[in-house]
Amino acid sequence: MQETTSTERIFLSLEQPHYPMDFVGIFVLAPGPEGPLPFEHVRARLDKRSRTLPLLRRKLVTPPLGLGEERWIQAETFTIDDHLHRAEVPAPGDLRALLDTVLEVTAEPLDRGLPLWQAWHLDGYHDDRTVLLLRAHHALIDGMGTMALHAAVFDLHPVPVDLSLRPDDICGEPEPGLVERALRELPDRLSRQVRTSTRLTRAVTEALPDLLVRRPLQLAAQAPPLVGRLLAGEPVELPEMPRFVPNLLDPVPRTPFNAHVDDPTKALAVASIPLAEVKQVRRRLRGSTVNDVLLALVTGALRRYLLERGELPDGPLVSTLPVSVRRGRTSAATTEGNQFTTVWIDLPTHLADPWERLQAVHDSATQAKSGLTGAQSSWNVLSDVGDLLLPGVLSAAMGLSRSRVVSLLPPTLNLTISNLVGAPVPLYFAGCEVEAMHARTIVCPPVNLFFHSITYNGVVEFGITTIRQLVEDPDELAQGLHDELALLLEAAQQLEAAEVAAGAAAARAARPARRRKAVER
């Protein structure tokens, strides 16, 4: 058996009915020579691949009487029919019907009595397309691991299915009995508490000189002028606190996305953005990245959405951004687990000019990257605190996060954004090309809006997952991404034209000087 990590236990504790903590890849497959991809071909290919990937046979075993933590084992038995299901996309079989079907079949959490993944074969999509859904729990795998898993499941060229092949046998381990688990869990729990307490004590001890000496002295010296500025109504710069701590004096702006949710019904929209156009914008801003441009697209879409409803805050919105801390290349053998931290990004929705928004996003992202070490330390402390709490206490705390009481507190963020790099070339499954790659991601109150993107085969595939009660039509946000890209492309072209004109003017100004020198000679 293998211990679950603190991060994995947090994702397991966050999960409640109607709020699955899993990632759903939505793969649109082109028809083969004989039409839509048959279910039997999908079954044969997934059965073969899943038996070669230990990750897809990892199963949770629960502690006896709730006295310990869940652990991972390799399932002793495995049948693909426990994981593969089929459904029909209803008429008219268009994109909206597909996305609604995805939400319907993935509405509830995965069965924890099985390895935490699931696949769906969807018929009925337009023009004989077949849709494959791959669903995996976030406790099982993170974003970078998901990309490596895709590389192991899909092919780089068409590989036909041989239905005569016999799937490989698996080698698992039996689930331990109640007495064995009890004898192991109690000392392991005590050992974990000691290790975690030691790490937290060390972290606090290292921070004490700063907390008890340097900062109090700074505050004492700054107190008189601070009080004067406060009384005069002037802005005051206070000591920086971790971003996950609510700030009562300078709170994150409250938006419709931060409202309390009574109905957990999800809403999903997608948008396909040409990667070449994203790179065209990126080249016009020195030092910027593709990720900066994608964040700017989200910023512009949110600004337009809130402005049309008269709910645009005066300051920037705040988003979290997962950042991988994996070392080296990620392969199918290293996909399992969660190896990431989270940084906070300011999204300048309050700025009217699209190019200024891009510049401000770039500055915020650069600053966030520079504080990556501190973000990792904060995440480790949060994980250790979660480790010290008994499982029942942690689950209760996670449940409280969805209560109306918490929604009345100042928010610490408005949304989450995740950007991943997928395959730059077409992928294939059971001989059929993957034409598009969408996703349904996680929403968990009080964070009710998630923008996700994957770059695949020259396209940035955006997915927007939210709560329908808060965002009735997420297609408006998807269209906002296209609109913002058009504005940035126009701004980039204007800057390029201005540079060309300036260069031509400089060349014309230099020609008379050259002629004078020639006459003098």
Protein backbone atom coordinates (compact mmCIF):
# COMPACT_ATOMS: atom_id res chain seq x y z
CA MET A 1 0.00 0.00 0.00
CA GLN A 2 1.06 3.58 -0.66
CA GLU A 3 0.17 6.62 1.42
CA THR A 4 -1.96 9.36 -0.07
CA THR A 5 -0.34 12.79 0.04
CA SER A 6 -1.74 15.85 1.80
CA THR A 7 -2.82 17.37 -1.52
CA GLU A 8 -4.55 14.16 -2.58
CA ARG A 9 -6.43 13.99 0.72
CA ILE A 10 -7.56 17.60 0.29
CA PHE A 11 -9.08 16.77 -3.12
CA LEU A 12 -10.76 13.70 -1.65
CA SER A 13 -12.18 15.76 1.22
CA LEU A 14 -13.40 18.53 -1.09
CA GLU A 15 -15.54 16.10 -3.06
CA GLN A 16 -19.23 16.07 -2.18
CA PRO A 17 -22.40 14.98 -4.00
CA HIS A 18 -22.86 17.08 -7.17
CA TYR A 19 -19.28 18.38 -6.89
CA PRO A 20 -16.95 15.79 -8.47
CA MET A 21 -13.24 16.52 -8.10
CA ASP A 22 -12.20 15.18 -11.48
CA PHE A 23 -10.95 16.33 -14.88
CA VAL A 24 -12.86 15.25 -18.01
CA GLY A 25 -11.08 15.19 -21.35
CA ILE A 26 -13.51 15.48 -24.29
CA PHE A 27 -12.00 14.04 -27.48
CA VAL A 28 -13.84 14.44 -30.79
CA LEU A 29 -12.83 11.61 -33.12
CA ALA A 30 -13.15 11.82 -36.90
CA PRO A 31 -15.13 9.01 -38.53
CA GLY A 32 -13.25 6.05 -39.95
CA PRO A 33 -13.66 4.62 -43.47
CA GLU A 34 -16.77 2.75 -42.34
CA GLY A 35 -18.34 5.58 -40.32
CA PRO A 36 -18.39 6.30 -36.56
CA LEU A 37 -15.86 4.48 -34.38
CA PRO A 38 -17.57 1.30 -33.08
CA PHE A 39 -17.95 0.83 -29.33
CA GLU A 40 -16.21 -2.56 -29.56
CA HIS A 41 -13.08 -0.91 -30.98
CA VAL A 42 -13.02 1.66 -28.17
CA ARG A 43 -13.48 -1.12 -25.60
CA ALA A 44 -10.67 -3.27 -27.04
CA ARG A 45 -8.20 -0.37 -27.25
CA LEU A 46 -8.93 0.98 -23.76
CA ASP A 47 -8.81 -2.51 -22.25
CA LYS A 48 -5.36 -3.06 -23.72
CA ARG A 49 -3.96 0.36 -22.76
CA SER A 50 -5.40 0.43 -19.23
CA ARG A 51 -3.76 -2.88 -18.36
CA THR A 52 -0.32 -1.48 -19.25
CA LEU A 53 -0.70 1.68 -17.13
CA PRO A 54 -0.48 1.05 -13.36
CA LEU A 55 -1.99 4.50 -12.77
CA LEU A 56 -5.34 3.31 -14.13
CA ARG A 57 -5.41 0.42 -11.67
CA ARG A 58 -4.68 2.50 -8.55
CA LYS A 59 -7.49 2.01 -6.09
CA LEU A 60 -8.29 3.63 -2.75
CA VAL A 61 -8.73 1.56 0.39
CA THR A 62 -10.53 3.28 3.25
CA PRO A 63 -9.30 3.22 6.86
CA PRO A 64 -11.12 1.13 9.48
CA LEU A 65 -13.61 3.17 11.54
CA GLY A 66 -12.22 6.38 10.02
CA LEU A 67 -9.09 6.15 12.18
CA GLY A 68 -6.60 6.74 9.41
CA GLU A 69 -6.19 7.95 5.85
CA GLU A 70 -7.05 6.42 2.50
CA ARG A 71 -4.22 4.53 0.85
CA TRP A 72 -3.47 3.44 -2.69
CA ILE A 73 -3.17 -0.16 -3.81
CA GLN A 74 -2.99 -1.82 -7.21
CA ALA A 75 -6.41 -3.40 -7.82
CA GLU A 76 -6.24 -7.19 -7.61
CA THR A 77 -8.87 -7.61 -10.32
CA PHE A 78 -9.79 -5.38 -13.22
CA THR A 79 -12.49 -5.33 -15.88
CA ILE A 80 -12.84 -2.57 -18.44
CA ASP A 81 -16.64 -2.81 -18.22
CA ASP A 82 -16.53 -1.26 -14.74
CA HIS A 83 -15.02 1.88 -16.28
CA LEU A 84 -16.29 2.17 -19.86
CA HIS A 85 -19.86 3.33 -20.51
CA ARG A 86 -21.80 4.54 -23.51
CA ALA A 87 -24.45 7.19 -24.17
CA GLU A 88 -26.10 9.02 -27.05
CA VAL A 89 -25.81 12.74 -27.83
CA PRO A 90 -29.46 13.76 -28.36
CA ALA A 91 -30.74 15.61 -31.41
CA PRO A 92 -29.72 17.85 -33.00
CA GLY A 93 -26.30 16.38 -32.14
CA ASP A 94 -24.54 19.74 -32.16
CA LEU A 95 -21.87 21.14 -29.83
CA ARG A 96 -24.37 22.39 -27.25
CA ALA A 97 -26.06 18.98 -27.11
CA LEU A 98 -22.65 17.36 -26.67
CA LEU A 99 -21.57 19.63 -23.81
CA ASP A 100 -24.89 19.16 -22.00
CA THR A 101 -24.48 15.39 -22.35
CA VAL A 102 -20.96 15.59 -20.91
CA LEU A 103 -22.28 17.47 -17.86
CA GLU A 104 -25.09 14.98 -17.41
CA VAL A 105 -23.00 11.79 -17.47
CA THR A 106 -20.23 13.28 -15.25
CA ALA A 107 -22.47 15.08 -12.73
CA GLU A 108 -21.72 12.82 -9.76
CA PRO A 109 -18.40 11.75 -8.17
CA LEU A 110 -16.61 8.62 -9.30
CA ASP A 111 -17.15 5.34 -7.46
CA ARG A 112 -14.39 5.11 -4.84
CA GLY A 113 -14.74 1.35 -4.73
CA LEU A 114 -13.03 1.27 -8.16
CA PRO A 115 -9.86 2.83 -9.58
CA LEU A 116 -10.73 6.52 -9.88
CA TRP A 117 -11.21 6.92 -13.61
CA GLN A 118 -13.97 6.44 -16.15
CA ALA A 119 -14.49 6.55 -19.93
CA TRP A 120 -17.57 7.24 -22.04
CA HIS A 121 -18.27 6.43 -25.69
CA LEU A 122 -20.74 8.99 -27.07
CA ASP A 123 -22.60 8.34 -30.32
CA GLY A 124 -24.82 10.75 -32.22
CA TYR A 125 -22.45 13.73 -32.59
CA HIS A 126 -22.70 15.58 -35.89
CA ASP A 127 -21.31 14.20 -39.17
CA ASP A 128 -20.64 10.70 -37.80
CA ARG A 129 -18.17 11.96 -35.21
CA THR A 130 -17.58 9.85 -32.12
CA VAL A 131 -16.73 11.45 -28.79
CA LEU A 132 -14.52 9.78 -26.18
CA LEU A 133 -14.60 11.06 -22.60
CA LEU A 134 -11.71 10.28 -20.26
CA ARG A 135 -12.41 11.15 -16.65
CA ALA A 136 -9.81 11.00 -13.84
CA HIS A 137 -9.95 12.14 -10.21
CA HIS A 138 -7.65 15.01 -9.24
CA ALA A 139 -6.38 12.93 -6.31
CA LEU A 140 -5.14 10.43 -8.90
CA ILE A 141 -3.42 12.82 -11.27
CA ASP A 142 -2.69 16.52 -11.89
CA GLY A 143 -2.67 18.57 -15.10
CA MET A 144 0.86 17.73 -16.29
CA GLY A 145 0.29 14.09 -15.44
CA THR A 146 -2.89 14.18 -17.51
CA MET A 147 -0.94 15.37 -20.55
CA ALA A 148 1.50 12.47 -20.12
CA LEU A 149 -1.42 10.07 -19.71
CA HIS A 150 -2.90 11.30 -22.99
CA ALA A 151 0.43 10.59 -24.67
CA ALA A 152 0.24 7.01 -23.39
CA VAL A 153 -3.40 6.43 -24.35
CA PHE A 154 -3.33 8.02 -27.83
CA ASP A 155 -1.13 7.31 -30.86
CA LEU A 156 0.96 9.58 -33.10
CA HIS A 157 -0.28 7.78 -36.21
CA PRO A 158 -3.33 5.66 -37.08
CA VAL A 159 -3.12 2.23 -35.45
CA PRO A 160 -6.01 -0.08 -36.35
CA VAL A 161 -7.65 -2.19 -33.66
CA ASP A 162 -7.08 -5.94 -33.63
CA LEU A 163 -10.13 -7.42 -31.91
CA SER A 164 -8.47 -10.85 -31.74
CA LEU A 165 -5.76 -9.72 -29.29
CA ARG A 166 -6.15 -11.01 -25.74
CA PRO A 167 -5.67 -8.34 -23.06
CA ASP A 168 -2.65 -8.73 -20.80
CA ASP A 169 -3.11 -10.18 -17.34
CA ILE A 170 -2.60 -7.83 -14.43
CA CYS A 171 -0.72 -8.28 -11.19
CA GLY A 172 -2.44 -6.50 -8.31
CA GLU A 173 -2.55 -6.83 -4.54
CA PRO A 174 -5.34 -7.98 -2.25
CA GLU A 175 -7.11 -5.42 -0.11
CA PRO A 176 -5.89 -5.77 3.51
CA GLY A 177 -8.29 -6.92 6.19
CA LEU A 178 -9.74 -4.79 8.97
CA VAL A 179 -7.37 -5.98 11.69
CA GLU A 180 -4.29 -5.52 9.51
CA ARG A 181 -5.37 -1.99 8.61
CA ALA A 182 -6.06 -1.07 12.24
CA LEU A 183 -2.66 -2.36 13.39
CA ARG A 184 -0.98 -0.31 10.67
CA GLU A 185 -3.03 2.90 10.74
CA LEU A 186 -2.68 3.89 14.40
CA PRO A 187 1.15 3.95 14.51
CA ASP A 188 1.29 5.45 10.99
CA ARG A 189 -1.08 8.21 12.02
CA LEU A 190 1.04 8.99 15.07
CA SER A 191 4.21 8.97 12.96
CA ARG A 192 2.65 11.32 10.39
CA GLN A 193 1.49 13.70 13.11
CA VAL A 194 5.01 13.84 14.54
CA ARG A 195 6.61 14.45 11.13
CA THR A 196 4.08 17.12 10.19
CA SER A 197 4.32 18.86 13.56
CA THR A 198 8.10 18.93 13.20
CA ARG A 199 7.89 20.55 9.74
CA LEU A 200 5.38 23.15 10.93
CA THR A 201 7.43 23.91 14.03
CA ARG A 202 10.51 24.42 11.88
CA ALA A 203 8.63 26.71 9.49
CA VAL A 204 7.22 28.80 12.36
CA THR A 205 10.60 28.96 14.11
CA GLU A 206 12.28 30.22 10.95
CA ALA A 207 9.60 32.88 10.57
CA LEU A 208 9.64 34.04 14.23
CA PRO A 209 12.50 36.56 13.96
CA ASP A 210 10.68 38.27 11.13
CA LEU A 211 7.25 38.10 12.81
CA LEU A 212 8.33 39.06 16.33
CA VAL A 213 11.21 41.47 15.72
CA ARG A 214 11.63 42.99 12.28
CA ARG A 215 7.98 43.52 11.31
CA PRO A 216 6.88 44.85 14.74
CA LEU A 217 9.75 47.36 14.68
CA GLN A 218 8.81 48.42 11.15
CA LEU A 219 5.16 48.81 12.16
CA ALA A 220 6.09 50.79 15.27
CA ALA A 221 8.17 53.18 13.18
CA GLN A 222 5.44 53.51 10.57
CA ALA A 223 2.50 53.77 13.00
CA PRO A 224 2.29 57.59 13.36
CA PRO A 225 2.34 58.37 9.61
CA LEU A 226 0.04 55.40 8.91
CA VAL A 227 -2.53 56.70 11.39
CA GLY A 228 -2.29 60.16 9.85
CA ARG A 229 -2.88 58.86 6.33
CA LEU A 230 -5.78 56.69 7.51
CA LEU A 231 -7.46 59.68 9.19
CA ALA A 232 -6.92 61.72 6.03
CA GLY A 233 -8.51 58.99 3.91
CA GLU A 234 -5.31 58.35 1.97
CA PRO A 235 -4.34 54.87 0.73
CA VAL A 236 -2.12 52.91 3.10
CA GLU A 237 0.30 50.15 2.16
CA LEU A 238 0.06 47.42 4.80
CA PRO A 239 2.39 44.45 5.33
CA GLU A 240 1.80 41.81 2.68
CA MET A 241 -0.15 38.74 3.84
CA PRO A 242 -0.48 35.38 2.07
CA ARG A 243 -3.05 35.69 -0.73
CA PHE A 244 -5.17 32.83 0.65
CA VAL A 245 -5.87 34.90 3.81
CA PRO A 246 -8.97 37.17 3.49
CA ASN A 247 -7.96 40.83 3.52
CA LEU A 248 -10.60 42.94 5.25
CA LEU A 249 -8.91 46.27 4.45
CA ASP A 250 -8.15 45.63 0.78
CA PRO A 251 -10.46 42.76 -0.21
CA VAL A 252 -10.63 40.96 -3.51
CA PRO A 253 -13.58 42.46 -5.42
CA ARG A 254 -16.83 40.55 -5.10
CA THR A 255 -18.30 39.45 -8.44
CA PRO A 256 -21.36 37.44 -9.50
CA PHE A 257 -19.05 34.42 -9.61
CA ASN A 258 -18.56 34.65 -5.82
CA ALA A 259 -22.26 34.46 -4.90
CA HIS A 260 -23.70 31.65 -2.79
CA VAL A 261 -24.93 28.65 -4.80
CA ASP A 262 -28.19 26.80 -4.09
CA ASP A 263 -28.36 24.76 -7.31
CA PRO A 264 -25.17 22.82 -8.21
CA THR A 265 -26.10 22.35 -11.88
CA LYS A 266 -23.02 23.04 -13.99
CA ALA A 267 -22.62 25.01 -17.22
CA LEU A 268 -19.93 24.40 -19.83
CA ALA A 269 -18.71 26.26 -22.91
CA VAL A 270 -15.69 25.83 -25.20
CA ALA A 271 -13.74 28.03 -27.60
CA SER A 272 -11.06 27.17 -30.16
CA ILE A 273 -8.38 29.86 -30.62
CA PRO A 274 -5.68 29.63 -33.36
CA LEU A 275 -2.30 29.31 -31.66
CA ALA A 276 -0.60 31.17 -34.52
CA GLU A 277 -2.69 34.27 -33.78
CA VAL A 278 -1.87 34.03 -30.07
CA LYS A 279 1.83 33.90 -30.96
CA GLN A 280 1.40 36.85 -33.32
CA VAL A 281 0.22 38.95 -30.39
CA ARG A 282 2.93 37.59 -28.10
CA ARG A 283 5.70 38.64 -30.51
CA ARG A 284 4.62 42.28 -30.32
CA LEU A 285 5.18 42.53 -26.54
CA ARG A 286 8.84 42.00 -25.70
CA GLY A 287 9.38 39.35 -23.02
CA SER A 288 5.79 38.13 -22.97
CA THR A 289 4.72 34.49 -23.25
CA VAL A 290 1.84 32.56 -24.79
CA ASN A 291 0.55 32.10 -21.25
CA ASP A 292 0.46 35.90 -20.78
CA VAL A 293 -1.68 36.29 -23.91
CA LEU A 294 -4.07 33.53 -22.80
CA LEU A 295 -4.48 35.24 -19.42
CA ALA A 296 -5.15 38.51 -21.25
CA LEU A 297 -7.87 36.83 -23.34
CA VAL A 298 -9.60 35.67 -20.16
CA THR A 299 -9.22 39.16 -18.68
CA GLY A 300 -10.87 40.80 -21.68
CA ALA A 301 -13.70 38.25 -21.77
CA LEU A 302 -14.44 38.82 -18.08
CA ARG A 303 -14.32 42.61 -18.49
CA ARG A 304 -16.84 42.53 -21.33
CA TYR A 305 -19.15 40.14 -19.46
CA LEU A 306 -19.18 42.18 -16.24
CA LEU A 307 -19.33 45.55 -18.00
CA GLU A 308 -22.47 44.56 -19.92
CA ARG A 309 -24.14 43.72 -16.60
CA GLY A 310 -23.00 46.85 -14.80
CA GLU A 311 -20.96 44.78 -12.31
CA LEU A 312 -17.38 45.59 -13.33
CA PRO A 313 -15.24 46.27 -10.21
CA ASP A 314 -12.94 49.29 -9.99
CA GLY A 315 -9.88 47.09 -9.41
CA PRO A 316 -8.46 43.89 -10.87
CA LEU A 317 -9.99 40.46 -10.42
CA VAL A 318 -7.84 37.79 -8.79
CA SER A 319 -7.27 34.30 -10.15
CA THR A 320 -5.27 31.33 -8.97
CA LEU A 321 -3.02 29.59 -11.47
CA PRO A 322 -1.67 26.06 -10.87
CA VAL A 323 2.04 25.74 -11.63
CA SER A 324 3.77 22.38 -12.00
CA VAL A 325 6.78 21.68 -9.80
CA ARG A 326 7.63 18.36 -11.47
CA ARG A 327 11.29 17.89 -12.21
CA GLY A 328 12.46 16.49 -15.51
CA ARG A 329 10.28 15.13 -18.27
CA THR A 330 6.86 13.72 -17.41
CA SER A 331 6.20 10.29 -18.89
CA ALA A 332 3.49 7.67 -18.58
CA ALA A 333 5.49 6.09 -15.76
CA THR A 334 5.50 9.31 -13.72
CA THR A 335 1.95 10.55 -14.25
CA GLU A 336 0.51 9.66 -10.87
CA GLY A 337 0.08 12.08 -7.98
CA ASN A 338 -0.06 15.85 -7.69
CA GLN A 339 3.10 17.90 -8.01
CA PHE A 340 2.06 21.52 -8.31
CA THR A 341 1.73 24.72 -6.38
CA THR A 342 -0.59 27.69 -6.88
CA VAL A 343 0.19 31.33 -7.61
CA TRP A 344 -2.14 34.34 -7.51
CA ILE A 345 -2.52 36.50 -10.64
CA ASP A 346 -4.18 39.92 -10.89
CA LEU A 347 -6.42 40.23 -13.96
CA PRO A 348 -6.72 43.96 -14.84
CA THR A 349 -10.36 43.96 -15.96
CA HIS A 350 -10.62 47.59 -14.85
CA LEU A 351 -8.31 48.77 -17.68
CA ALA A 352 -10.12 49.87 -20.83
CA ASP A 353 -7.24 49.47 -23.32
CA PRO A 354 -6.58 45.85 -24.43
CA TRP A 355 -2.84 46.38 -24.91
CA GLU A 356 -2.54 47.92 -21.43
CA ARG A 357 -4.38 44.87 -20.08
CA LEU A 358 -1.86 42.56 -21.76
CA GLN A 359 1.07 44.56 -20.37
CA ALA A 360 -0.44 44.51 -16.87
CA VAL A 361 -1.11 40.76 -17.07
CA HIS A 362 2.49 40.18 -18.15
CA ASP A 363 3.77 42.23 -15.20
CA SER A 364 1.52 40.36 -12.74
CA ALA A 365 2.50 36.94 -14.11
CA THR A 366 6.21 37.85 -13.99
CA GLN A 367 5.89 38.94 -10.37
CA ALA A 368 3.99 35.76 -9.49
CA LYS A 369 6.69 33.59 -11.05
CA SER A 370 9.35 35.41 -9.05
CA GLY A 371 7.50 34.43 -5.86
CA LEU A 372 7.13 30.78 -6.81
CA THR A 373 9.33 29.60 -3.94
CA GLY A 374 7.19 31.46 -1.41
CA ALA A 375 4.02 30.09 -3.03
CA GLN A 376 5.39 26.56 -2.71
CA SER A 377 6.20 27.16 0.97
CA SER A 378 2.68 28.48 1.63
CA TRP A 379 1.15 25.47 -0.12
CA ASN A 380 3.31 23.11 1.94
CA VAL A 381 2.18 24.79 5.16
CA LEU A 382 -1.47 24.48 4.15
CA SER A 383 -0.95 20.81 3.32
CA ASP A 384 0.73 20.20 6.66
CA VAL A 385 -2.14 21.87 8.52
CA GLY A 386 -4.51 19.59 6.61
CA ASP A 387 -2.39 16.63 7.65
CA LEU A 388 -2.73 17.53 11.33
CA LEU A 389 -6.52 17.59 11.12
CA LEU A 390 -8.39 14.34 11.51
CA PRO A 391 -10.12 13.24 8.26
CA GLY A 392 -13.58 14.03 9.65
CA VAL A 393 -12.51 17.53 10.70
CA LEU A 394 -11.02 18.23 7.28
CA SER A 395 -14.18 17.03 5.50
CA ALA A 396 -16.32 19.23 7.76
CA ALA A 397 -14.10 22.24 7.01
CA MET A 398 -14.41 21.60 3.27
CA GLY A 399 -18.18 21.29 3.61
CA LEU A 400 -18.29 24.62 5.42
CA SER A 401 -16.67 26.28 2.40
CA ARG A 402 -19.95 25.79 0.51
CA SER A 403 -22.11 27.37 3.21
CA ARG A 404 -23.87 30.73 2.95
CA VAL A 405 -21.83 31.98 5.93
CA VAL A 406 -18.55 31.66 4.05
CA SER A 407 -20.03 33.43 1.02
CA LEU A 408 -20.55 36.51 3.22
CA LEU A 409 -16.82 36.78 3.97
CA PRO A 410 -14.50 38.74 1.66
CA PRO A 411 -13.41 36.43 -1.18
CA THR A 412 -9.75 35.54 -1.59
CA LEU A 413 -10.08 34.96 -5.36
CA ASN A 414 -12.64 35.21 -8.16
CA LEU A 415 -11.78 32.28 -10.41
CA THR A 416 -9.14 29.72 -11.39
CA ILE A 417 -7.24 29.51 -14.69
CA SER A 418 -5.17 26.56 -15.90
CA ASN A 419 -3.12 26.46 -19.11
CA LEU A 420 -1.55 23.23 -20.35
CA VAL A 421 0.60 22.34 -23.35
CA GLY A 422 -0.63 19.31 -25.26
CA ALA A 423 0.57 17.56 -28.40
CA PRO A 424 1.69 19.88 -31.25
CA VAL A 425 0.68 17.27 -33.85
CA PRO A 426 -2.52 15.27 -34.46
CA LEU A 427 -3.23 12.35 -32.14
CA TYR A 428 -5.13 9.19 -33.01
CA PHE A 429 -7.25 6.69 -31.12
CA ALA A 430 -8.19 3.29 -32.53
CA GLY A 431 -7.20 4.53 -35.98
CA CYS A 432 -9.30 7.73 -35.85
CA GLU A 433 -7.87 11.26 -35.66
CA VAL A 434 -8.58 13.41 -32.63
CA GLU A 435 -10.05 16.50 -34.32
CA ALA A 436 -10.69 18.53 -31.16
CA MET A 437 -9.78 18.27 -27.49
CA HIS A 438 -12.05 20.00 -24.95
CA ALA A 439 -12.35 19.66 -21.17
CA ARG A 440 -14.75 19.87 -18.25
CA THR A 441 -12.86 20.92 -15.14
CA ILE A 442 -13.54 21.37 -11.42
CA VAL A 443 -15.72 23.96 -9.76
CA CYS A 444 -16.02 23.89 -6.01
CA PRO A 445 -17.68 26.72 -4.04
CA PRO A 446 -16.66 29.33 -3.13
CA VAL A 447 -14.69 29.17 -6.44
CA ASN A 448 -17.36 28.78 -9.11
CA LEU A 449 -15.58 29.65 -12.36
CA PHE A 450 -12.73 27.77 -14.05
CA PHE A 451 -11.08 28.67 -17.37
CA HIS A 452 -8.98 25.83 -18.75
CA SER A 453 -6.94 25.65 -21.93
CA ILE A 454 -4.94 23.00 -23.75
CA THR A 455 -2.80 23.72 -26.81
CA TYR A 456 -3.31 20.91 -29.30
CA ASN A 457 -2.24 20.65 -32.95
CA GLY A 458 -1.98 24.40 -33.50
CA VAL A 459 -5.15 25.32 -31.58
CA VAL A 460 -5.73 26.58 -28.04
CA GLU A 461 -8.80 24.68 -26.84
CA PHE A 462 -10.50 26.64 -24.04
CA GLY A 463 -13.03 25.13 -21.67
CA ILE A 464 -15.15 27.25 -19.30
CA THR A 465 -16.76 25.36 -16.41
CA THR A 466 -19.07 27.17 -14.01
CA ILE A 467 -22.41 27.04 -12.15
CA ARG A 468 -25.49 27.73 -14.26
CA GLN A 469 -27.16 29.62 -11.41
CA LEU A 470 -24.34 32.20 -11.60
CA VAL A 471 -23.53 32.16 -15.34
CA GLU A 472 -26.62 31.20 -17.29
CA ASP A 473 -24.92 31.34 -20.68
CA PRO A 474 -21.16 30.67 -20.54
CA ASP A 475 -21.04 30.93 -24.34
CA GLU A 476 -20.90 34.70 -23.77
CA LEU A 477 -17.57 34.24 -21.99
CA ALA A 478 -16.37 31.95 -24.78
CA GLN A 479 -17.25 34.57 -27.39
CA GLY A 480 -15.46 37.15 -25.27
CA LEU A 481 -12.20 35.23 -25.77
CA HIS A 482 -12.55 35.58 -29.56
CA ASP A 483 -13.47 39.26 -29.24
CA GLU A 484 -10.45 40.02 -27.05
CA LEU A 485 -8.11 38.22 -29.45
CA ALA A 486 -9.45 40.36 -32.31
CA LEU A 487 -8.75 43.54 -30.30
CA LEU A 488 -5.21 42.41 -29.45
CA LEU A 489 -4.48 41.45 -33.07
CA GLU A 490 -5.68 44.88 -34.20
CA ALA A 491 -3.54 46.58 -31.55
CA ALA A 492 -0.51 44.48 -32.56
CA GLN A 493 -0.99 45.38 -36.23
CA GLN A 494 -1.26 49.08 -35.37
CA LEU A 495 1.96 48.89 -33.34
CA GLU A 496 3.70 47.13 -36.20
CA ALA A 497 2.46 49.71 -38.70
CA ALA A 498 3.62 52.52 -36.42
CA GLU A 499 7.08 50.94 -36.13
CA VAL A 500 7.32 50.53 -39.92
CA ALA A 501 6.25 54.15 -40.43
CA ALA A 502 8.77 55.36 -37.85
CA GLY A 503 11.51 53.33 -39.53
CA ALA A 504 10.62 54.76 -42.95
CA ALA A 505 10.60 58.28 -41.56
CA ALA A 506 14.01 57.74 -39.98
CA ALA A 507 15.35 56.42 -43.30
CA ARG A 508 14.03 59.47 -45.20
CA ALA A 509 15.55 61.82 -42.64
CA ALA A 510 18.91 60.11 -43.04
CA ARG A 511 19.02 60.38 -46.87
CA PRO A 512 19.62 64.23 -47.10
CA ALA A 513 22.43 63.92 -44.57
CA ARG A 514 24.08 61.23 -46.70
CA ARG A 515 23.74 63.38 -49.84
CA ARG A 516 25.36 66.38 -48.10
CA LYS A 517 28.28 64.24 -47.04
CA ALA A 518 28.69 62.97 -50.60
CA VAL A 519 28.75 66.57 -52.00
CA GLU A 520 31.30 67.63 -49.41
CA ARG A 521 33.56 64.76 -50.42
